[in-house]
């Protein structure tokens, strides 16, 4: 029996607003590019080197596409958890294949924005689950306040 684990988790900033395209089948696809940063000290020069890695994310889920269209704007800090998928295609007139590995946000995947929509960088949950439904911020704050037991 085959067994494996295919999971990818990334926290980074969106490199651009989400791109939503319509498919010939009538569905939609959302594509995002997330930048993660790391730094290290170069052994030869002793100087700090910053490096950015770019991660492509894609989803075909209607509810998630709607939520991303509304909230996925350039610069937002986002957490995504999905699975890796590699696509292969060939451009017309070329003899070699092209490959792209991306994080597929399929059912069971997670998207969470870690900052406020105005991009102030403060880490805060939006109160919005990845399925696109949203809880108003006022009611989310009111639920955990007070000394009253809610039953």
N, C-alpha and C. Protein backbone atom coordinates (compact mmCIF):
# COMPACT_ATOMS: atom_id res chain seq x y z
N UNK A 1 0.85 -1.17 0.00
CA UNK A 1 0.00 0.00 0.00
C UNK A 1 0.90 1.24 0.00
N UNK A 2 0.68 2.16 -0.95
CA UNK A 2 1.50 3.38 -0.98
C UNK A 2 1.17 4.29 0.20
N UNK A 3 2.18 4.96 0.67
CA UNK A 3 2.00 5.90 1.77
C UNK A 3 2.92 7.09 1.55
N UNK A 4 2.44 8.26 1.88
CA UNK A 4 3.27 9.45 1.75
C UNK A 4 2.60 10.63 2.40
N UNK A 5 3.36 11.68 2.53
CA UNK A 5 2.85 12.92 3.08
C UNK A 5 3.28 14.04 2.16
N UNK A 6 2.33 14.81 1.68
CA UNK A 6 2.61 15.93 0.80
C UNK A 6 1.97 17.15 1.42
N UNK A 7 2.78 17.94 2.13
CA UNK A 7 2.26 19.12 2.80
C UNK A 7 3.30 20.24 2.69
N UNK A 8 2.81 21.43 2.42
CA UNK A 8 3.68 22.61 2.35
C UNK A 8 3.04 23.72 3.16
N UNK A 9 3.82 24.38 4.02
CA UNK A 9 3.35 25.51 4.82
C UNK A 9 4.31 26.67 4.59
N UNK A 10 3.74 27.84 4.34
CA UNK A 10 4.53 29.03 4.07
C UNK A 10 3.91 30.22 4.77
N UNK A 11 4.76 31.06 5.36
CA UNK A 11 4.34 32.36 5.87
C UNK A 11 5.19 33.39 5.14
N UNK A 12 4.51 34.32 4.48
CA UNK A 12 5.22 35.34 3.74
C UNK A 12 4.29 36.45 3.29
N UNK A 13 4.83 37.33 2.48
CA UNK A 13 4.06 38.47 1.97
C UNK A 13 3.69 38.24 0.52
N UNK A 14 2.48 38.68 0.17
CA UNK A 14 2.02 38.57 -1.21
C UNK A 14 2.81 39.52 -2.10
N UNK A 15 3.31 39.00 -3.21
CA UNK A 15 4.09 39.82 -4.12
C UNK A 15 3.25 40.69 -5.02
N UNK A 16 1.97 40.38 -5.14
CA UNK A 16 1.05 41.16 -5.97
C UNK A 16 -0.37 40.78 -5.56
N UNK A 17 -1.34 41.54 -6.04
CA UNK A 17 -2.74 41.16 -5.80
C UNK A 17 -2.98 39.79 -6.44
N UNK A 18 -3.92 39.04 -5.89
CA UNK A 18 -4.25 37.73 -6.44
C UNK A 18 -4.71 37.88 -7.88
N UNK A 19 -4.32 36.94 -8.75
CA UNK A 19 -4.75 36.94 -10.14
C UNK A 19 -5.81 35.87 -10.31
N UNK A 20 -6.98 36.27 -10.78
CA UNK A 20 -8.08 35.34 -10.96
C UNK A 20 -8.39 35.23 -12.45
N UNK A 21 -8.38 33.99 -12.94
CA UNK A 21 -8.65 33.74 -14.36
C UNK A 21 -9.84 32.82 -14.50
N UNK A 22 -10.55 32.95 -15.62
CA UNK A 22 -11.70 32.10 -15.91
C UNK A 22 -11.26 30.97 -16.83
N UNK A 23 -11.73 29.77 -16.53
CA UNK A 23 -11.38 28.59 -17.30
C UNK A 23 -12.42 28.33 -18.37
N UNK A 24 -12.04 27.59 -19.40
CA UNK A 24 -12.97 27.24 -20.47
C UNK A 24 -14.14 26.41 -19.93
N UNK A 25 -13.89 25.67 -18.84
CA UNK A 25 -14.94 24.84 -18.25
C UNK A 25 -15.96 25.65 -17.46
N UNK A 26 -15.72 26.94 -17.29
CA UNK A 26 -16.63 27.80 -16.55
C UNK A 26 -16.17 28.08 -15.14
N UNK A 27 -15.18 27.35 -14.66
CA UNK A 27 -14.65 27.56 -13.32
C UNK A 27 -13.66 28.72 -13.28
N UNK A 28 -13.13 28.96 -12.10
CA UNK A 28 -12.13 30.02 -11.93
C UNK A 28 -10.92 29.45 -11.21
N UNK A 29 -9.78 30.10 -11.41
CA UNK A 29 -8.55 29.73 -10.74
C UNK A 29 -7.92 31.00 -10.17
N UNK A 30 -7.43 30.90 -8.95
CA UNK A 30 -6.74 32.03 -8.31
C UNK A 30 -5.27 31.66 -8.17
N UNK A 31 -4.39 32.58 -8.57
CA UNK A 31 -2.95 32.39 -8.46
C UNK A 31 -2.37 33.49 -7.59
N UNK A 32 -1.49 33.09 -6.67
CA UNK A 32 -0.80 34.04 -5.80
C UNK A 32 0.69 33.72 -5.80
N UNK A 33 1.47 34.74 -5.52
CA UNK A 33 2.90 34.58 -5.36
C UNK A 33 3.28 35.11 -3.99
N UNK A 34 3.91 34.26 -3.16
CA UNK A 34 4.26 34.61 -1.79
C UNK A 34 5.77 34.63 -1.65
N UNK A 35 6.28 35.70 -1.06
CA UNK A 35 7.73 35.85 -0.83
C UNK A 35 8.06 35.53 0.62
N UNK A 36 9.07 34.66 0.80
CA UNK A 36 9.60 34.41 2.13
C UNK A 36 11.04 34.90 2.14
N UNK A 37 11.46 35.44 3.27
CA UNK A 37 12.81 36.01 3.40
C UNK A 37 13.61 35.23 4.43
N UNK A 38 14.89 35.15 4.19
CA UNK A 38 15.81 34.60 5.17
C UNK A 38 17.13 35.35 5.03
N UNK A 39 17.91 35.31 6.07
CA UNK A 39 19.22 35.97 6.00
C UNK A 39 20.25 35.06 6.66
N UNK A 40 21.49 35.26 6.25
CA UNK A 40 22.61 34.52 6.81
C UNK A 40 23.86 35.38 6.73
N UNK A 41 24.87 34.96 7.44
CA UNK A 41 26.16 35.67 7.42
C UNK A 41 27.09 34.95 6.45
N UNK A 42 27.59 35.68 5.46
CA UNK A 42 28.51 35.13 4.49
C UNK A 42 29.84 34.83 5.18
N UNK A 43 30.33 33.61 5.06
CA UNK A 43 31.57 33.21 5.76
C UNK A 43 32.79 33.96 5.25
N UNK A 44 32.82 34.27 3.97
CA UNK A 44 34.00 34.93 3.40
C UNK A 44 34.05 36.42 3.73
N UNK A 45 32.91 37.11 3.66
CA UNK A 45 32.91 38.55 3.87
C UNK A 45 32.49 38.93 5.28
N UNK A 46 31.78 38.04 5.97
CA UNK A 46 31.29 38.35 7.30
C UNK A 46 30.07 39.26 7.29
N UNK A 47 29.53 39.54 6.11
CA UNK A 47 28.38 40.42 6.00
C UNK A 47 27.08 39.63 5.92
N UNK A 48 26.03 40.28 6.36
CA UNK A 48 24.70 39.68 6.32
C UNK A 48 24.17 39.70 4.89
N UNK A 49 23.62 38.56 4.46
CA UNK A 49 23.06 38.43 3.13
C UNK A 49 21.58 38.10 3.27
N UNK A 50 20.72 38.89 2.62
CA UNK A 50 19.29 38.64 2.62
C UNK A 50 18.91 37.90 1.34
N UNK A 51 18.04 36.92 1.47
CA UNK A 51 17.62 36.13 0.32
C UNK A 51 16.11 35.98 0.34
N UNK A 52 15.49 36.16 -0.82
CA UNK A 52 14.04 36.00 -0.96
C UNK A 52 13.75 34.80 -1.83
N UNK A 53 12.81 33.98 -1.36
CA UNK A 53 12.34 32.82 -2.12
C UNK A 53 10.87 33.08 -2.48
N UNK A 54 10.50 32.78 -3.72
CA UNK A 54 9.12 33.00 -4.17
C UNK A 54 8.40 31.67 -4.29
N UNK A 55 7.15 31.64 -3.83
CA UNK A 55 6.32 30.45 -3.84
C UNK A 55 5.02 30.76 -4.57
N UNK A 56 4.69 29.94 -5.55
CA UNK A 56 3.44 30.11 -6.28
C UNK A 56 2.37 29.26 -5.61
N UNK A 57 1.17 29.83 -5.45
CA UNK A 57 0.02 29.12 -4.87
C UNK A 57 -1.14 29.20 -5.85
N UNK A 58 -1.92 28.12 -5.90
CA UNK A 58 -3.04 28.07 -6.83
C UNK A 58 -4.23 27.37 -6.16
N UNK A 59 -5.45 27.83 -6.46
CA UNK A 59 -6.65 27.15 -5.98
C UNK A 59 -7.75 27.26 -7.03
N UNK A 60 -8.60 26.22 -7.05
CA UNK A 60 -9.75 26.18 -7.94
C UNK A 60 -11.05 26.20 -7.15
N UNK A 61 -10.99 26.30 -5.83
CA UNK A 61 -12.18 26.27 -4.97
C UNK A 61 -12.92 27.61 -5.04
N UNK A 62 -14.18 27.57 -5.39
CA UNK A 62 -14.95 28.80 -5.58
C UNK A 62 -14.98 29.69 -4.34
N UNK A 63 -15.26 29.13 -3.17
CA UNK A 63 -15.32 29.94 -1.95
C UNK A 63 -13.99 30.58 -1.63
N UNK A 64 -12.92 29.83 -1.81
CA UNK A 64 -11.58 30.36 -1.54
C UNK A 64 -11.19 31.41 -2.58
N UNK A 65 -11.56 31.19 -3.83
CA UNK A 65 -11.29 32.18 -4.88
C UNK A 65 -12.00 33.49 -4.53
N UNK A 66 -13.25 33.42 -4.08
CA UNK A 66 -14.00 34.62 -3.70
C UNK A 66 -13.32 35.35 -2.55
N UNK A 67 -12.90 34.61 -1.52
CA UNK A 67 -12.26 35.22 -0.36
C UNK A 67 -10.93 35.87 -0.76
N UNK A 68 -10.15 35.20 -1.59
CA UNK A 68 -8.87 35.75 -2.01
C UNK A 68 -9.06 37.00 -2.87
N UNK A 69 -10.08 36.99 -3.74
CA UNK A 69 -10.35 38.17 -4.57
C UNK A 69 -10.63 39.38 -3.70
N UNK A 70 -11.26 39.16 -2.57
CA UNK A 70 -11.62 40.26 -1.68
C UNK A 70 -10.46 40.72 -0.80
N UNK A 71 -9.62 39.79 -0.34
CA UNK A 71 -8.64 40.12 0.70
C UNK A 71 -7.17 39.98 0.31
N UNK A 72 -6.84 39.24 -0.74
CA UNK A 72 -5.43 38.96 -1.06
C UNK A 72 -4.83 40.10 -1.88
N UNK A 73 -4.29 41.07 -1.18
CA UNK A 73 -3.70 42.25 -1.82
C UNK A 73 -2.19 42.27 -1.61
N UNK A 74 -1.49 42.89 -2.51
CA UNK A 74 -0.03 42.97 -2.46
C UNK A 74 0.45 43.47 -1.10
N UNK A 75 1.44 42.77 -0.55
CA UNK A 75 2.05 43.17 0.71
C UNK A 75 1.45 42.52 1.94
N UNK A 76 0.27 41.91 1.83
CA UNK A 76 -0.36 41.27 3.00
C UNK A 76 0.47 40.09 3.48
N UNK A 77 0.54 39.94 4.79
CA UNK A 77 1.23 38.80 5.41
C UNK A 77 0.23 37.66 5.49
N UNK A 78 0.61 36.50 4.93
CA UNK A 78 -0.33 35.39 4.81
C UNK A 78 0.34 34.07 5.17
N UNK A 79 -0.46 33.18 5.76
CA UNK A 79 -0.05 31.81 6.04
C UNK A 79 -0.86 30.91 5.12
N UNK A 80 -0.20 30.03 4.39
CA UNK A 80 -0.90 29.05 3.56
C UNK A 80 -0.38 27.66 3.89
N UNK A 81 -1.28 26.70 3.89
CA UNK A 81 -0.93 25.30 4.08
C UNK A 81 -1.66 24.51 3.01
N UNK A 82 -0.92 23.85 2.16
CA UNK A 82 -1.51 23.06 1.09
C UNK A 82 -0.59 21.92 0.74
N UNK A 83 -0.64 21.48 -0.51
CA UNK A 83 0.25 20.40 -0.93
C UNK A 83 0.98 20.82 -2.20
N UNK A 84 2.17 20.25 -2.39
CA UNK A 84 2.97 20.58 -3.56
C UNK A 84 2.45 19.83 -4.77
N UNK A 85 2.46 20.55 -5.89
CA UNK A 85 2.03 19.96 -7.16
C UNK A 85 2.94 20.51 -8.25
N UNK A 86 3.41 19.64 -9.12
CA UNK A 86 4.25 20.06 -10.24
C UNK A 86 3.49 19.87 -11.53
N UNK A 87 3.43 20.94 -12.31
CA UNK A 87 2.77 20.89 -13.62
C UNK A 87 3.85 20.84 -14.70
N UNK A 88 3.52 20.18 -15.81
CA UNK A 88 4.43 20.11 -16.95
C UNK A 88 3.67 20.53 -18.20
N UNK A 89 4.29 21.37 -19.00
CA UNK A 89 3.67 21.78 -20.26
C UNK A 89 4.75 22.11 -21.27
N UNK A 90 4.32 22.27 -22.51
CA UNK A 90 5.25 22.60 -23.59
C UNK A 90 4.67 23.75 -24.39
N UNK A 91 5.47 24.77 -24.60
CA UNK A 91 5.04 25.90 -25.42
C UNK A 91 5.14 25.53 -26.89
N UNK A 92 4.23 26.11 -27.67
CA UNK A 92 4.26 25.86 -29.11
C UNK A 92 5.61 26.28 -29.68
N UNK A 93 6.17 25.44 -30.52
CA UNK A 93 7.43 25.76 -31.17
C UNK A 93 8.67 25.41 -30.35
N UNK A 94 8.51 24.91 -29.14
CA UNK A 94 9.66 24.53 -28.31
C UNK A 94 9.77 23.01 -28.23
N UNK A 95 10.99 22.53 -28.11
CA UNK A 95 11.22 21.10 -28.07
C UNK A 95 11.30 20.53 -26.66
N UNK A 96 11.42 21.38 -25.67
CA UNK A 96 11.57 20.89 -24.30
C UNK A 96 10.36 21.27 -23.44
N UNK A 97 10.14 20.47 -22.42
CA UNK A 97 9.03 20.71 -21.49
C UNK A 97 9.42 21.78 -20.48
N UNK A 98 8.42 22.45 -19.97
CA UNK A 98 8.58 23.41 -18.88
C UNK A 98 7.89 22.83 -17.64
N UNK A 99 8.41 23.19 -16.46
CA UNK A 99 7.86 22.69 -15.21
C UNK A 99 7.61 23.84 -14.25
N UNK A 100 6.58 23.69 -13.43
CA UNK A 100 6.29 24.66 -12.39
C UNK A 100 5.78 23.91 -11.17
N UNK A 101 6.45 24.11 -10.03
CA UNK A 101 6.00 23.51 -8.78
C UNK A 101 5.31 24.59 -7.98
N UNK A 102 4.10 24.29 -7.50
CA UNK A 102 3.31 25.28 -6.78
C UNK A 102 2.62 24.62 -5.61
N UNK A 103 2.13 25.44 -4.70
CA UNK A 103 1.36 24.97 -3.56
C UNK A 103 -0.10 24.97 -3.98
N UNK A 104 -0.71 23.78 -4.00
CA UNK A 104 -2.11 23.63 -4.37
C UNK A 104 -2.96 23.75 -3.12
N UNK A 105 -3.89 24.69 -3.14
CA UNK A 105 -4.82 24.89 -2.04
C UNK A 105 -6.10 24.15 -2.39
N UNK A 106 -6.13 22.87 -2.03
CA UNK A 106 -7.25 21.97 -2.31
C UNK A 106 -8.14 21.90 -1.07
N UNK A 107 -9.25 21.17 -1.13
CA UNK A 107 -10.06 21.02 0.08
C UNK A 107 -9.21 20.50 1.25
N UNK A 108 -9.38 21.13 2.40
CA UNK A 108 -8.58 20.80 3.57
C UNK A 108 -7.36 21.69 3.74
N UNK A 109 -7.08 22.52 2.75
CA UNK A 109 -5.97 23.46 2.86
C UNK A 109 -6.37 24.65 3.72
N UNK A 110 -5.41 25.49 4.06
CA UNK A 110 -5.69 26.61 4.94
C UNK A 110 -5.03 27.88 4.43
N UNK A 111 -5.76 28.98 4.52
CA UNK A 111 -5.25 30.31 4.21
C UNK A 111 -5.65 31.22 5.37
N UNK A 112 -4.67 31.91 5.94
CA UNK A 112 -4.97 32.82 7.04
C UNK A 112 -4.12 34.08 6.89
N UNK A 113 -4.78 35.23 6.93
CA UNK A 113 -4.07 36.49 6.88
C UNK A 113 -3.60 36.84 8.28
N UNK A 114 -2.35 37.22 8.40
CA UNK A 114 -1.73 37.47 9.71
C UNK A 114 -1.58 38.94 10.03
N UNK A 115 -2.08 39.80 9.17
CA UNK A 115 -2.05 41.23 9.43
C UNK A 115 -3.40 41.83 9.10
N UNK A 116 -3.55 43.08 9.41
CA UNK A 116 -4.80 43.78 9.12
C UNK A 116 -4.81 44.19 7.65
N UNK A 117 -6.01 44.35 7.07
CA UNK A 117 -6.10 44.67 5.65
C UNK A 117 -5.37 45.93 5.22
N UNK A 118 -5.19 46.90 6.12
CA UNK A 118 -4.50 48.13 5.71
C UNK A 118 -3.00 47.95 5.64
N UNK A 119 -2.48 46.75 5.97
CA UNK A 119 -1.07 46.45 5.81
C UNK A 119 -0.18 47.08 6.85
N UNK A 120 -0.69 47.33 8.07
CA UNK A 120 0.13 47.98 9.07
C UNK A 120 1.15 47.05 9.71
N UNK A 121 1.13 45.76 9.35
CA UNK A 121 2.13 44.83 9.83
C UNK A 121 1.85 44.26 11.20
N UNK A 122 0.84 44.73 11.90
CA UNK A 122 0.53 44.18 13.22
C UNK A 122 -0.07 42.80 13.05
N UNK A 123 0.45 41.83 13.76
CA UNK A 123 -0.06 40.47 13.65
C UNK A 123 -1.41 40.38 14.34
N UNK A 124 -2.42 40.07 13.57
CA UNK A 124 -3.77 39.92 14.12
C UNK A 124 -4.56 39.02 13.20
N UNK A 125 -5.41 38.20 13.76
CA UNK A 125 -6.25 37.34 12.94
C UNK A 125 -7.39 38.16 12.36
N UNK A 126 -7.81 37.78 11.17
CA UNK A 126 -8.90 38.51 10.53
C UNK A 126 -10.25 38.03 10.98
N UNK A 127 -10.31 36.86 11.61
CA UNK A 127 -11.60 36.30 11.98
C UNK A 127 -12.29 35.64 10.80
N UNK A 128 -11.56 35.42 9.70
CA UNK A 128 -12.13 34.85 8.50
C UNK A 128 -11.52 33.49 8.24
N UNK A 129 -12.32 32.43 8.22
CA UNK A 129 -11.80 31.12 7.85
C UNK A 129 -11.55 31.04 6.35
N UNK A 130 -10.80 30.05 5.92
CA UNK A 130 -10.41 29.92 4.51
C UNK A 130 -11.59 29.63 3.59
N UNK A 131 -12.73 29.23 4.12
CA UNK A 131 -13.86 28.91 3.25
C UNK A 131 -14.59 30.14 2.74
N UNK A 132 -14.14 31.32 3.11
CA UNK A 132 -14.71 32.55 2.59
C UNK A 132 -15.75 33.19 3.47
N UNK A 133 -16.31 32.47 4.44
CA UNK A 133 -17.28 33.11 5.32
C UNK A 133 -16.53 33.95 6.34
N UNK A 134 -17.16 34.95 6.86
CA UNK A 134 -16.48 35.87 7.77
C UNK A 134 -17.33 36.12 9.00
N UNK A 135 -16.66 36.29 10.13
CA UNK A 135 -17.33 36.66 11.37
C UNK A 135 -17.02 38.13 11.62
N UNK A 136 -18.03 38.96 11.84
CA UNK A 136 -17.75 40.37 12.10
C UNK A 136 -16.81 40.53 13.28
N UNK A 137 -15.88 41.46 13.17
CA UNK A 137 -14.87 41.66 14.20
C UNK A 137 -15.50 42.00 15.55
N UNK A 138 -16.60 42.77 15.55
CA UNK A 138 -17.23 43.16 16.81
C UNK A 138 -17.75 41.93 17.56
N UNK A 139 -18.41 41.02 16.83
CA UNK A 139 -18.95 39.84 17.51
C UNK A 139 -17.85 38.89 17.91
N UNK A 140 -16.74 38.83 17.16
CA UNK A 140 -15.63 37.97 17.52
C UNK A 140 -15.00 38.44 18.82
N UNK A 141 -14.90 39.75 19.00
CA UNK A 141 -14.31 40.28 20.23
C UNK A 141 -15.28 40.14 21.39
N UNK A 142 -16.57 40.32 21.15
CA UNK A 142 -17.55 40.29 22.23
C UNK A 142 -17.73 38.90 22.80
N UNK A 143 -17.49 37.84 21.99
CA UNK A 143 -17.72 36.49 22.46
C UNK A 143 -16.86 36.13 23.65
N UNK A 144 -15.61 36.60 23.69
CA UNK A 144 -14.70 36.20 24.76
C UNK A 144 -14.67 37.17 25.91
N UNK A 145 -15.53 38.18 25.96
CA UNK A 145 -15.46 39.19 26.99
C UNK A 145 -16.57 38.98 28.01
N UNK A 146 -16.34 39.48 29.21
CA UNK A 146 -17.36 39.47 30.25
C UNK A 146 -17.24 38.27 31.16
N UNK A 147 -17.92 38.36 32.31
CA UNK A 147 -17.88 37.31 33.29
C UNK A 147 -19.10 36.40 33.21
N UNK A 148 -19.98 36.65 32.25
CA UNK A 148 -21.21 35.88 32.16
C UNK A 148 -20.95 34.57 31.41
N UNK A 149 -21.60 33.54 31.88
CA UNK A 149 -21.53 32.25 31.21
C UNK A 149 -22.65 32.22 30.18
N UNK A 150 -22.36 31.88 28.92
CA UNK A 150 -23.35 32.04 27.84
C UNK A 150 -24.40 30.94 27.78
N UNK A 151 -24.82 30.32 28.91
CA UNK A 151 -25.91 29.34 28.86
C UNK A 151 -26.83 29.44 30.04
